[in-house]
Every structure is written in C-alpha cells, then in structure tokens.
PDB file of N, CA and C in Angstrom:
ATOM      1  N   MET A   1      28.973 -28.436   8.935  1.00  0.00           N
ATOM      2  CA  MET A   1      28.764 -27.134   8.336  1.00  0.00           C
ATOM      3  C   MET A   1      28.513 -27.343   6.858  1.00  0.00           C
ATOM      4  N   GLY A   2      27.495 -26.693   6.343  1.00  0.00           N
ATOM      5  CA  GLY A   2      27.158 -26.819   4.938  1.00  0.00           C
ATOM      6  C   GLY A   2      28.195 -26.170   4.046  1.00  0.00           C
ATOM      7  N   THR A   3      28.393 -26.740   2.892  1.00  0.00           N
ATOM      8  CA  THR A   3      29.360 -26.180   1.955  1.00  0.00           C
ATOM      9  C   THR A   3      28.683 -25.563   0.739  1.00  0.00           C
ATOM     10  N   LEU A   4      27.432 -25.177   0.902  1.00  0.00           N
ATOM     11  CA  LEU A   4      26.744 -24.450  -0.155  1.00  0.00           C
ATOM     12  C   LEU A   4      26.764 -22.967   0.179  1.00  0.00           C
ATOM     13  N   PRO A   5      26.956 -22.112  -0.798  1.00  0.00           N
ATOM     14  CA  PRO A   5      26.968 -20.670  -0.526  1.00  0.00           C
ATOM     15  C   PRO A   5      25.662 -20.224   0.117  1.00  0.00           C
ATOM     16  N   GLN A   6      25.784 -19.345   1.100  1.00  0.00           N
ATOM     17  CA  GLN A   6      24.603 -18.844   1.778  1.00  0.00           C
ATOM     18  C   GLN A   6      24.426 -17.346   1.623  1.00  0.00           C
ATOM     19  N   ILE A   7      25.433 -16.663   1.115  1.00  0.00           N
ATOM     20  CA  ILE A   7      25.330 -15.220   0.941  1.00  0.00           C
ATOM     21  C   ILE A   7      24.622 -14.962  -0.380  1.00  0.00           C
ATOM     22  N   GLU A   8      23.384 -14.532  -0.285  1.00  0.00           N
ATOM     23  CA  GLU A   8      22.580 -14.261  -1.475  1.00  0.00           C
ATOM     24  C   GLU A   8      22.105 -12.813  -1.418  1.00  0.00           C
ATOM     25  N   PRO A   9      22.705 -11.959  -2.206  1.00  0.00           N
ATOM     26  CA  PRO A   9      22.305 -10.552  -2.182  1.00  0.00           C
ATOM     27  C   PRO A   9      20.886 -10.383  -2.694  1.00  0.00           C
ATOM     28  N   VAL A  10      20.176  -9.452  -2.082  1.00  0.00           N
ATOM     29  CA  VAL A  10      18.789  -9.207  -2.477  1.00  0.00           C
ATOM     30  C   VAL A  10      18.633  -7.924  -3.287  1.00  0.00           C
ATOM     31  N   SER A  11      19.713  -7.149  -3.380  1.00  0.00           N
ATOM     32  CA  SER A  11      19.664  -5.920  -4.165  1.00  0.00           C
ATOM     33  C   SER A  11      21.092  -5.574  -4.586  1.00  0.00           C
ATOM     34  N   THR A  12      21.210  -4.640  -5.496  1.00  0.00           N
ATOM     35  CA  THR A  12      22.536  -4.206  -5.940  1.00  0.00           C
ATOM     36  C   THR A  12      23.315  -3.603  -4.783  1.00  0.00           C
ATOM     37  N   LYS A  13      22.642  -2.814  -3.979  1.00  0.00           N
ATOM     38  CA  LYS A  13      23.297  -2.197  -2.825  1.00  0.00           C
ATOM     39  C   LYS A  13      23.800  -3.266  -1.860  1.00  0.00           C
ATOM     40  N   HIS A  14      22.974  -4.253  -1.617  1.00  0.00           N
ATOM     41  CA  HIS A  14      23.371  -5.342  -0.727  1.00  0.00           C
ATOM     42  C   HIS A  14      24.512  -6.144  -1.347  1.00  0.00           C
ATOM     43  N   LEU A  15      24.459  -6.354  -2.655  1.00  0.00           N
ATOM     44  CA  LEU A  15      25.517  -7.075  -3.355  1.00  0.00           C
ATOM     45  C   LEU A  15      26.856  -6.380  -3.165  1.00  0.00           C
ATOM     46  N   LEU A  16      26.879  -5.072  -3.370  1.00  0.00           N
ATOM     47  CA  LEU A  16      28.126  -4.329  -3.219  1.00  0.00           C
ATOM     48  C   LEU A  16      28.623  -4.367  -1.785  1.00  0.00           C
ATOM     49  N   ALA A  17      27.719  -4.312  -0.840  1.00  0.00           N
ATOM     50  CA  ALA A  17      28.107  -4.344   0.562  1.00  0.00           C
ATOM     51  C   ALA A  17      28.663  -5.713   0.959  1.00  0.00           C
ATOM     52  N   CYS A  18      28.164  -6.754   0.335  1.00  0.00           N
ATOM     53  CA  CYS A  18      28.537  -8.115   0.718  1.00  0.00           C
ATOM     54  C   CYS A  18      29.523  -8.783  -0.241  1.00  0.00           C
ATOM     55  N   LEU A  19      29.946  -8.075  -1.268  1.00  0.00           N
ATOM     56  CA  LEU A  19      30.776  -8.695  -2.293  1.00  0.00           C
ATOM     57  C   LEU A  19      32.047  -9.318  -1.723  1.00  0.00           C
ATOM     58  N   GLY A  20      32.750  -8.573  -0.898  1.00  0.00           N
ATOM     59  CA  GLY A  20      33.981  -9.100  -0.303  1.00  0.00           C
ATOM     60  C   GLY A  20      33.720 -10.326   0.537  1.00  0.00           C
ATOM     61  N   LEU A  21      32.635 -10.302   1.306  1.00  0.00           N
ATOM     62  CA  LEU A  21      32.299 -11.453   2.142  1.00  0.00           C
ATOM     63  C   LEU A  21      31.874 -12.649   1.295  1.00  0.00           C
ATOM     64  N   ALA A  22      31.163 -12.388   0.196  1.00  0.00           N
ATOM     65  CA  ALA A  22      30.756 -13.474  -0.693  1.00  0.00           C
ATOM     66  C   ALA A  22      31.970 -14.131  -1.344  1.00  0.00           C
ATOM     67  N   ILE A  23      32.966 -13.328  -1.692  1.00  0.00           N
ATOM     68  CA  ILE A  23      34.202 -13.874  -2.261  1.00  0.00           C
ATOM     69  C   ILE A  23      34.925 -14.708  -1.215  1.00  0.00           C
ATOM     70  N   ASP A  24      35.005 -14.195   0.009  1.00  0.00           N
ATOM     71  CA  ASP A  24      35.636 -14.957   1.095  1.00  0.00           C
ATOM     72  C   ASP A  24      34.905 -16.275   1.325  1.00  0.00           C
ATOM     73  N   GLU A  25      33.575 -16.217   1.306  1.00  0.00           N
ATOM     74  CA  GLU A  25      32.781 -17.427   1.507  1.00  0.00           C
ATOM     75  C   GLU A  25      33.095 -18.450   0.414  1.00  0.00           C
ATOM     76  N   ALA A  26      33.133 -18.013  -0.828  1.00  0.00           N
ATOM     77  CA  ALA A  26      33.398 -18.922  -1.942  1.00  0.00           C
ATOM     78  C   ALA A  26      34.780 -19.565  -1.822  1.00  0.00           C
ATOM     79  N   LYS A  27      35.783 -18.775  -1.452  1.00  0.00           N
ATOM     80  CA  LYS A  27      37.138 -19.314  -1.289  1.00  0.00           C
ATOM     81  C   LYS A  27      37.195 -20.324  -0.150  1.00  0.00           C
ATOM     82  N   LEU A  28      36.533 -20.014   0.948  1.00  0.00           N
ATOM     83  CA  LEU A  28      36.525 -20.934   2.091  1.00  0.00           C
ATOM     84  C   LEU A  28      35.797 -22.233   1.746  1.00  0.00           C
ATOM     85  N   ILE A  29      34.691 -22.126   1.042  1.00  0.00           N
ATOM     86  CA  ILE A  29      33.948 -23.322   0.642  1.00  0.00           C
ATOM     87  C   ILE A  29      34.807 -24.194  -0.270  1.00  0.00           C
ATOM     88  N   ARG A  30      35.470 -23.571  -1.234  1.00  0.00           N
ATOM     89  CA  ARG A  30      36.334 -24.331  -2.137  1.00  0.00           C
ATOM     90  C   ARG A  30      37.449 -25.036  -1.367  1.00  0.00           C
ATOM     91  N   SER A  31      38.071 -24.327  -0.426  1.00  0.00           N
ATOM     92  CA  SER A  31      39.135 -24.924   0.384  1.00  0.00           C
ATOM     93  C   SER A  31      38.603 -26.052   1.257  1.00  0.00           C
ATOM     94  N   LEU A  32      37.416 -25.854   1.808  1.00  0.00           N
ATOM     95  CA  LEU A  32      36.811 -26.897   2.642  1.00  0.00           C
ATOM     96  C   LEU A  32      36.529 -28.163   1.833  1.00  0.00           C
ATOM     97  N   ILE A  33      35.972 -28.006   0.669  1.00  0.00           N
ATOM     98  CA  ILE A  33      35.662 -29.163  -0.171  1.00  0.00           C
ATOM     99  C   ILE A  33      36.944 -29.914  -0.519  1.00  0.00           C
ATOM    100  N   GLN A  34      37.972 -29.189  -0.937  1.00  0.00           N
ATOM    101  CA  GLN A  34      39.242 -29.825  -1.280  1.00  0.00           C
ATOM    102  C   GLN A  34      39.863 -30.515  -0.073  1.00  0.00           C
ATOM    103  N   SER A  35      39.833 -29.857   1.073  1.00  0.00           N
ATOM    104  CA  SER A  35      40.424 -30.423   2.287  1.00  0.00           C
ATOM    105  C   SER A  35      39.673 -31.666   2.741  1.00  0.00           C
ATOM    106  N   LYS A  36      38.346 -31.624   2.652  1.00  0.00           N
ATOM    107  CA  LYS A  36      37.561 -32.787   3.056  1.00  0.00           C
ATOM    108  C   LYS A  36      37.802 -33.969   2.131  1.00  0.00           C
ATOM    109  N   GLU A  37      37.966 -33.706   0.845  1.00  0.00           N
ATOM    110  CA  GLU A  37      38.268 -34.790  -0.092  1.00  0.00           C
ATOM    111  C   GLU A  37      39.623 -35.414   0.224  1.00  0.00           C
ATOM    112  N   MET A  38      40.617 -34.568   0.501  1.00  0.00           N
ATOM    113  CA  MET A  38      41.943 -35.082   0.855  1.00  0.00           C
ATOM    114  C   MET A  38      41.896 -35.850   2.172  1.00  0.00           C
ATOM    115  N   ALA A  39      41.133 -35.337   3.151  1.00  0.00           N
ATOM    116  CA  ALA A  39      41.028 -35.998   4.449  1.00  0.00           C
ATOM    117  C   ALA A  39      40.392 -37.377   4.303  1.00  0.00           C
ATOM    118  N   ASP A  40      39.360 -37.468   3.477  1.00  0.00           N
ATOM    119  CA  ASP A  40      38.719 -38.762   3.247  1.00  0.00           C
ATOM    120  C   ASP A  40      39.710 -39.765   2.678  1.00  0.00           C
ATOM    121  N   LYS A  41      40.506 -39.324   1.708  1.00  0.00           N
ATOM    122  CA  LYS A  41      41.497 -40.213   1.101  1.00  0.00           C
ATOM    123  C   LYS A  41      42.555 -40.621   2.129  1.00  0.00           C
ATOM    124  N   LEU A  42      43.045 -39.666   2.875  1.00  0.00           N
ATOM    125  CA  LEU A  42      44.061 -39.971   3.888  1.00  0.00           C
ATOM    126  C   LEU A  42      43.536 -40.928   4.950  1.00  0.00           C
ATOM    127  N   GLU A  43      42.296 -40.715   5.373  1.00  0.00           N
ATOM    128  CA  GLU A  43      41.738 -41.566   6.421  1.00  0.00           C
ATOM    129  C   GLU A  43      41.499 -42.991   5.931  1.00  0.00           C
ATOM    130  N   ARG A  44      41.249 -43.146   4.657  1.00  0.00           N
ATOM    131  CA  ARG A  44      41.129 -44.500   4.104  1.00  0.00           C
ATOM    132  C   ARG A  44      42.496 -45.186   4.108  1.00  0.00           C
ATOM    133  N   ASP A  45      43.548 -44.418   3.775  1.00  0.00           N
ATOM    134  CA  ASP A  45      44.893 -44.981   3.688  1.00  0.00           C
ATOM    135  C   ASP A  45      45.536 -45.168   5.060  1.00  0.00           C
ATOM    136  N   ASN A  46      45.459 -44.121   5.898  1.00  0.00           N
ATOM    137  CA  ASN A  46      46.096 -44.159   7.211  1.00  0.00           C
ATOM    138  C   ASN A  46      45.406 -43.143   8.123  1.00  0.00           C
ATOM    139  N   PRO A  47      44.396 -43.574   8.850  1.00  0.00           N
ATOM    140  CA  PRO A  47      43.564 -42.628   9.606  1.00  0.00           C
ATOM    141  C   PRO A  47      44.277 -41.898  10.738  1.00  0.00           C
ATOM    142  N   PHE A  48      45.406 -42.399  11.191  1.00  0.00           N
ATOM    143  CA  PHE A  48      46.072 -41.784  12.334  1.00  0.00           C
ATOM    144  C   PHE A  48      47.400 -41.125  11.968  1.00  0.00           C
ATOM    145  N   SER A  49      47.567 -40.806  10.694  1.00  0.00           N
ATOM    146  CA  SER A  49      48.808 -40.161  10.267  1.00  0.00           C
ATOM    147  C   SER A  49      48.828 -38.704  10.742  1.00  0.00           C
ATOM    148  N   ASP A  50      50.022 -38.168  10.894  1.00  0.00           N
ATOM    149  CA  ASP A  50      50.164 -36.765  11.289  1.00  0.00           C
ATOM    150  C   ASP A  50      49.504 -35.847  10.266  1.00  0.00           C
ATOM    151  N   GLN A  51      49.638 -36.193   9.012  1.00  0.00           N
ATOM    152  CA  GLN A  51      49.052 -35.372   7.953  1.00  0.00           C
ATOM    153  C   GLN A  51      47.523 -35.355   8.064  1.00  0.00           C
ATOM    154  N   SER A  52      46.937 -36.480   8.381  1.00  0.00           N
ATOM    155  CA  SER A  52      45.486 -36.555   8.538  1.00  0.00           C
ATOM    156  C   SER A  52      45.027 -35.715   9.728  1.00  0.00           C
ATOM    157  N   ILE A  53      45.762 -35.779  10.810  1.00  0.00           N
ATOM    158  CA  ILE A  53      45.426 -34.994  12.003  1.00  0.00           C
ATOM    159  C   ILE A  53      45.529 -33.502  11.705  1.00  0.00           C
ATOM    160  N   ARG A  54      46.604 -33.086  11.035  1.00  0.00           N
ATOM    161  CA  ARG A  54      46.768 -31.671  10.684  1.00  0.00           C
ATOM    162  C   ARG A  54      45.659 -31.206   9.743  1.00  0.00           C
ATOM    163  N   LEU A  55      45.310 -32.037   8.792  1.00  0.00           N
ATOM    164  CA  LEU A  55      44.270 -31.677   7.836  1.00  0.00           C
ATOM    165  C   LEU A  55      42.916 -31.523   8.533  1.00  0.00           C
ATOM    166  N   ASN A  56      42.627 -32.378   9.481  1.00  0.00           N
ATOM    167  CA  ASN A  56      41.366 -32.251  10.220  1.00  0.00           C
ATOM    168  C   ASN A  56      41.350 -30.983  11.069  1.00  0.00           C
ATOM    169  N   ARG A  57      42.488 -30.572  11.596  1.00  0.00           N
ATOM    170  CA  ARG A  57      42.572 -29.302  12.314  1.00  0.00           C
ATOM    171  C   ARG A  57      42.327 -28.137  11.364  1.00  0.00           C
ATOM    172  N   GLU A  58      42.875 -28.237  10.166  1.00  0.00           N
ATOM    173  CA  GLU A  58      42.678 -27.200   9.150  1.00  0.00           C
ATOM    174  C   GLU A  58      41.202 -27.108   8.766  1.00  0.00           C
ATOM    175  N   ILE A  59      40.540 -28.234   8.650  1.00  0.00           N
ATOM    176  CA  ILE A  59      39.114 -28.244   8.319  1.00  0.00           C
ATOM    177  C   ILE A  59      38.319 -27.543   9.415  1.00  0.00           C
ATOM    178  N   THR A  60      38.645 -27.830  10.659  1.00  0.00           N
ATOM    179  CA  THR A  60      37.969 -27.177  11.785  1.00  0.00           C
ATOM    180  C   THR A  60      38.186 -25.670  11.729  1.00  0.00           C
ATOM    181  N   TYR A  61      39.405 -25.254  11.426  1.00  0.00           N
ATOM    182  CA  TYR A  61      39.721 -23.829  11.312  1.00  0.00           C
ATOM    183  C   TYR A  61      38.929 -23.194  10.178  1.00  0.00           C
ATOM    184  N   LEU A  62      38.904 -23.831   9.012  1.00  0.00           N
ATOM    185  CA  LEU A  62      38.176 -23.294   7.858  1.00  0.00           C
ATOM    186  C   LEU A  62      36.681 -23.188   8.159  1.00  0.00           C
ATOM    187  N   GLU A  63      36.131 -24.177   8.848  1.00  0.00           N
ATOM    188  CA  GLU A  63      34.712 -24.120   9.200  1.00  0.00           C
ATOM    189  C   GLU A  63      34.417 -22.959  10.147  1.00  0.00           C
ATOM    190  N   SER A  64      35.333 -22.702  11.073  1.00  0.00           N
ATOM    191  CA  SER A  64      35.111 -21.576  11.988  1.00  0.00           C
ATOM    192  C   SER A  64      35.211 -20.241  11.252  1.00  0.00           C
ATOM    193  N   LYS A  65      36.150 -20.131  10.309  1.00  0.00           N
ATOM    194  CA  LYS A  65      36.260 -18.905   9.514  1.00  0.00           C
ATOM    195  C   LYS A  65      35.016 -18.712   8.643  1.00  0.00           C
ATOM    196  N   LEU A  66      34.482 -19.794   8.099  1.00  0.00           N
ATOM    197  CA  LEU A  66      33.275 -19.715   7.290  1.00  0.00           C
ATOM    198  C   LEU A  66      32.097 -19.240   8.144  1.00  0.00           C
ATOM    199  N   ALA A  67      31.974 -19.769   9.330  1.00  0.00           N
ATOM    200  CA  ALA A  67      30.908 -19.336  10.238  1.00  0.00           C
ATOM    201  C   ALA A  67      31.069 -17.855  10.583  1.00  0.00           C
ATOM    202  N   GLU A  68      32.307 -17.423  10.743  1.00  0.00           N
ATOM    203  CA  GLU A  68      32.599 -16.015  11.045  1.00  0.00           C
ATOM    204  C   GLU A  68      32.153 -15.110   9.898  1.00  0.00           C
ATOM    205  N   VAL A  69      32.493 -15.487   8.679  1.00  0.00           N
ATOM    206  CA  VAL A  69      32.111 -14.700   7.499  1.00  0.00           C
ATOM    207  C   VAL A  69      30.590 -14.632   7.391  1.00  0.00           C
ATOM    208  N   ARG A  70      29.942 -15.766   7.565  1.00  0.00           N
ATOM    209  CA  ARG A  70      28.481 -15.799   7.451  1.00  0.00           C
ATOM    210  C   ARG A  70      27.818 -14.984   8.557  1.00  0.00           C
ATOM    211  N   SER A  71      28.403 -14.941   9.734  1.00  0.00           N
ATOM    212  CA  SER A  71      27.795 -14.166  10.823  1.00  0.00           C
ATOM    213  C   SER A  71      27.952 -12.671  10.543  1.00  0.00           C
ATOM    214  N   LYS A  72      29.030 -12.273   9.868  1.00  0.00           N
ATOM    215  CA  LYS A  72      29.203 -10.862   9.516  1.00  0.00           C
ATOM    216  C   LYS A  72      28.094 -10.419   8.567  1.00  0.00           C
ATOM    217  N   VAL A  73      27.704 -11.295   7.650  1.00  0.00           N
ATOM    218  CA  VAL A  73      26.644 -10.954   6.704  1.00  0.00           C
ATOM    219  C   VAL A  73      25.308 -10.840   7.418  1.00  0.00           C
ATOM    220  N   SER A  74      25.052 -11.753   8.327  1.00  0.00           N
ATOM    221  CA  SER A  74      23.760 -11.727   9.015  1.00  0.00           C
ATOM    222  C   SER A  74      23.645 -10.513   9.942  1.00  0.00           C
ATOM    223  N   ARG A  75      24.775  -9.982  10.420  1.00  0.00           N
ATOM    224  CA  ARG A  75      24.748  -8.788  11.252  1.00  0.00           C
ATOM    225  C   ARG A  75      24.588  -7.533  10.426  1.00  0.00           C
ATOM    226  N   GLY A  76      25.082  -7.595   9.162  1.00  0.00           N
ATOM    227  CA  GLY A  76      25.068  -6.415   8.297  1.00  0.00           C
ATOM    228  C   GLY A  76      23.785  -6.283   7.614  1.00  0.00           C
TER     229      GLY A  76
END
C-alpha cells in the first residue's frame, strides 16, 4: 500500500467535504511510516520476536484502515 497522500481536493467544497478524511489519511500514513521503520529495525535484530509479530499485525490493520478511508473518498 502506498504511503503517499491520495486525497486531493479539486474545489473548496470538495476540500470541506473531505477534510476529516484527509486528516485521517495523513495520521494513518504517518503511523504506517513509523511502524514500518520500527518493524524493519526489529526484523534486523530479531525477526521472530513477539514485538515484531505484533507490529506487523498493527501495520496490516493500519493499511486496512487507510484503504477504508480512501474508499470513502472515492465513493463521495
């Protein structure tokens, strides 16, 4: 899943309608980037640690939430 923002308003009206979703997208992207960086470090140190497994589950969850937010924009 890409970690670049995809919600690009095309008008002021669209911006206001999508503002909350754009904020959610930005927060999720930031969390994903941080989590992936931590996961990379953990996997270099100990790839099968409980913390690494939990972090990878969190990444999967964050990616699904990001896809959910982006699908709401495409429907709106």
